[in-house]
C-alpha atoms as a PDB file:
ATOM      1  CA  MET A   1      -0.038  -0.041   0.018  1.00  0.00           C
ATOM      2  CA  THR A   2       1.228   3.548  -0.791  1.00  0.00           C
ATOM      3  CA  ILE A   3       0.820   6.525   1.363  1.00  0.00           C
ATOM      4  CA  PRO A   4      -1.870   8.036  -0.977  1.00  0.00           C
ATOM      5  CA  GLU A   5      -3.780   4.738  -0.750  1.00  0.00           C
ATOM      6  CA  TYR A   6      -3.579   4.808   3.154  1.00  0.00           C
ATOM      7  CA  ILE A   7      -4.966   8.408   3.047  1.00  0.00           C
ATOM      8  CA  SER A   8      -7.769   7.474   0.617  1.00  0.00           C
ATOM      9  CA  GLU A   9      -8.942   4.856   3.066  1.00  0.00           C
ATOM     10  CA  GLN A  10      -9.401   7.217   5.912  1.00  0.00           C
ATOM     11  CA  ASP A  11     -12.458   9.298   6.849  1.00  0.00           C
ATOM     12  CA  PRO A  12     -13.108  11.810   3.990  1.00  0.00           C
ATOM     13  CA  ALA A  13     -13.309  14.611   6.682  1.00  0.00           C
ATOM     14  CA  VAL A  14      -9.675  14.025   7.705  1.00  0.00           C
ATOM     15  CA  GLN A  15      -8.172  13.325   4.213  1.00  0.00           C
ATOM     16  CA  PRO A  16      -7.432  16.941   3.431  1.00  0.00           C
ATOM     17  CA  ARG A  17      -5.342  17.220   6.766  1.00  0.00           C
ATOM     18  CA  LEU A  18      -3.484  14.008   6.021  1.00  0.00           C
ATOM     19  CA  ASN A  19      -2.787  15.180   2.502  1.00  0.00           C
ATOM     20  CA  ALA A  20      -1.487  18.495   3.860  1.00  0.00           C
ATOM     21  CA  ILE A  21       0.947  16.663   6.252  1.00  0.00           C
ATOM     22  CA  TYR A  22       1.945  14.295   3.532  1.00  0.00           C
ATOM     23  CA  ASP A  23       2.622  17.037   1.064  1.00  0.00           C
ATOM     24  CA  THR A  24       4.534  19.106   3.640  1.00  0.00           C
ATOM     25  CA  ILE A  25       6.748  16.254   4.677  1.00  0.00           C
ATOM     26  CA  ARG A  26       7.382  15.158   1.091  1.00  0.00           C
ATOM     27  CA  GLY A  27       8.311  18.724   0.196  1.00  0.00           C
ATOM     28  CA  ALA A  28      10.567  19.096   3.255  1.00  0.00           C
ATOM     29  CA  ILE A  29      12.537  15.785   2.659  1.00  0.00           C
ATOM     30  CA  PRO A  30      12.160  14.992  -1.016  1.00  0.00           C
ATOM     31  CA  ASP A  31      14.998  12.429  -0.946  1.00  0.00           C
ATOM     32  CA  ALA A  32      13.272  10.188   1.540  1.00  0.00           C
ATOM     33  CA  GLU A  33      11.762   7.031   0.422  1.00  0.00           C
ATOM     34  CA  GLU A  34       7.996   6.650   1.152  1.00  0.00           C
ATOM     35  CA  ARG A  35       6.620   3.439   2.656  1.00  0.00           C
ATOM     36  CA  LEU A  36       4.210   2.131   5.179  1.00  0.00           C
ATOM     37  CA  SER A  37       5.848   0.951   8.401  1.00  0.00           C
ATOM     38  CA  TRP A  38       3.784  -0.397  11.295  1.00  0.00           C
ATOM     39  CA  GLY A  39       0.757   0.480   9.289  1.00  0.00           C
ATOM     40  CA  MET A  40       1.665   4.167   9.195  1.00  0.00           C
ATOM     41  CA  PRO A  41       2.970   6.380   6.452  1.00  0.00           C
ATOM     42  CA  THR A  42       6.634   6.700   6.855  1.00  0.00           C
ATOM     43  CA  PHE A  43       9.548   8.537   5.329  1.00  0.00           C
ATOM     44  CA  TRP A  44      12.749   6.481   5.302  1.00  0.00           C
ATOM     45  CA  LYS A  45      16.417   7.126   4.382  1.00  0.00           C
ATOM     46  CA  GLY A  46      18.560   4.319   5.653  1.00  0.00           C
ATOM     47  CA  ARG A  47      16.135   4.140   8.639  1.00  0.00           C
ATOM     48  CA  ASN A  48      12.716   5.518   9.611  1.00  0.00           C
ATOM     49  CA  ILE A  49      12.844   9.330   9.670  1.00  0.00           C
ATOM     50  CA  ILE A  50       9.324  10.384  10.484  1.00  0.00           C
ATOM     51  CA  HIS A  51       5.888   8.736  10.557  1.00  0.00           C
ATOM     52  CA  PHE A  52       2.281  10.007  10.752  1.00  0.00           C
ATOM     53  CA  ALA A  53      -1.063   8.294  11.364  1.00  0.00           C
ATOM     54  CA  VAL A  54      -4.663   9.134  11.885  1.00  0.00           C
ATOM     55  CA  ALA A  55      -6.369   8.778  15.286  1.00  0.00           C
ATOM     56  CA  LYS A  56      -9.804   9.405  16.353  1.00  0.00           C
ATOM     57  CA  HIS A  57      -9.343  13.041  17.428  1.00  0.00           C
ATOM     58  CA  HIS A  58      -5.946  13.883  16.049  1.00  0.00           C
ATOM     59  CA  ILE A  59      -3.202  13.091  13.661  1.00  0.00           C
ATOM     60  CA  GLY A  60      -0.122  11.527  15.248  1.00  0.00           C
ATOM     61  CA  LEU A  61       3.221  12.771  14.169  1.00  0.00           C
ATOM     62  CA  TYR A  62       6.064  10.464  15.106  1.00  0.00           C
ATOM     63  CA  PRO A  63       9.517  11.976  14.577  1.00  0.00           C
ATOM     64  CA  GLY A  64      11.137  10.146  17.487  1.00  0.00           C
ATOM     65  CA  PRO A  65      12.024  11.244  21.149  1.00  0.00           C
ATOM     66  CA  ASP A  66      15.061  13.455  20.090  1.00  0.00           C
ATOM     67  CA  ALA A  67      12.951  15.687  17.870  1.00  0.00           C
ATOM     68  CA  VAL A  68      10.177  16.060  20.409  1.00  0.00           C
ATOM     69  CA  GLU A  69      12.730  17.196  22.885  1.00  0.00           C
ATOM     70  CA  ALA A  70      14.480  19.471  20.434  1.00  0.00           C
ATOM     71  CA  PHE A  71      11.249  21.235  19.528  1.00  0.00           C
ATOM     72  CA  ALA A  72       9.715  21.105  23.025  1.00  0.00           C
ATOM     73  CA  ASP A  73       9.542  24.879  23.392  1.00  0.00           C
ATOM     74  CA  ARG A  74       7.478  25.088  20.151  1.00  0.00           C
ATOM     75  CA  LEU A  75       5.217  22.121  21.010  1.00  0.00           C
ATOM     76  CA  LYS A  76       3.909  23.374  24.306  1.00  0.00           C
ATOM     77  CA  GLU A  77       0.331  23.767  22.852  1.00  0.00           C
ATOM     78  CA  TYR A  78       0.246  20.122  21.705  1.00  0.00           C
ATOM     79  CA  LYS A  79       0.113  16.922  23.645  1.00  0.00           C
ATOM     80  CA  THR A  80       3.361  15.083  23.336  1.00  0.00           C
ATOM     81  CA  SER A  81       4.791  11.849  24.617  1.00  0.00           C
ATOM     82  CA  LYS A  82       8.057  10.113  24.072  1.00  0.00           C
ATOM     83  CA  GLY A  83       8.559  10.398  20.227  1.00  0.00           C
ATOM     84  CA  ALA A  84       4.966  11.463  19.399  1.00  0.00           C
ATOM     85  CA  ILE A  85       3.067  14.679  18.771  1.00  0.00           C
ATOM     86  CA  GLN A  86      -0.713  14.968  18.668  1.00  0.00           C
ATOM     87  CA  LEU A  87      -2.176  17.461  16.090  1.00  0.00           C
ATOM     88  CA  PRO A  88      -5.750  17.821  17.066  1.00  0.00           C
ATOM     89  CA  ASN A  89      -8.309  17.734  14.330  1.00  0.00           C
ATOM     90  CA  LYS A  90     -10.022  20.928  15.612  1.00  0.00           C
ATOM     91  CA  LYS A  91      -6.817  22.973  15.384  1.00  0.00           C
ATOM     92  CA  GLU A  92      -5.089  24.390  12.318  1.00  0.00           C
ATOM     93  CA  LEU A  93      -2.133  22.340  11.259  1.00  0.00           C
ATOM     94  CA  PRO A  94       1.235  23.852  12.067  1.00  0.00           C
ATOM     95  CA  LEU A  95       2.685  22.869   8.657  1.00  0.00           C
ATOM     96  CA  GLU A  96       5.785  25.100   8.836  1.00  0.00           C
ATOM     97  CA  LEU A  97       6.663  23.403  12.160  1.00  0.00           C
ATOM     98  CA  VAL A  98       5.971  19.908  10.635  1.00  0.00           C
ATOM     99  CA  ALA A  99       8.318  20.758   7.858  1.00  0.00           C
ATOM    100  CA  GLU A 100      11.011  21.934  10.255  1.00  0.00           C
ATOM    101  CA  ILE A 101      10.679  18.791  12.318  1.00  0.00           C
ATOM    102  CA  ALA A 102      10.777  16.573   9.290  1.00  0.00           C
ATOM    103  CA  ARG A 103      13.975  18.319   7.943  1.00  0.00           C
ATOM    104  CA  TRP A 104      15.623  18.172  11.433  1.00  0.00           C
ATOM    105  CA  SER A 105      14.746  14.482  11.721  1.00  0.00           C
ATOM    106  CA  TYR A 106      16.092  13.767   8.280  1.00  0.00           C
ATOM    107  CA  GLU A 107      19.375  15.375   8.984  1.00  0.00           C
ATOM    108  CA  LYS A 108      19.740  13.796  12.420  1.00  0.00           C
ATOM    109  CA  ASN A 109      18.776  10.210  11.317  1.00  0.00           C
ATOM    110  CA  ARG A 110      19.736   9.574   7.714  1.00  0.00           C
ATOM    111  CA  LYS A 111      22.619   7.309   6.905  1.00  0.00           C
END
């Protein structure tokens, strides 16, 4: 399954948000390979760089614990846990921040 196929199987109400995150990450790290890993859209370059996935009330962004720590000051308004950021469906997506996190994760984790 491809990332666009994953998105097309989700609730139509959330598909535009998923597409926005997909396009943002793809634009930020165009050299990364796209795949599904653990059932989640994943960008990979020698190893997993960043994932995202739909949940009931948010989209989960999974850049890993180092990225969450590095961007902690800019993530205060979002629920985070070790390696995960919740982007609530009722809130505007912070696409610039998503792009920055994706680029940071790519530079830190690529081989």
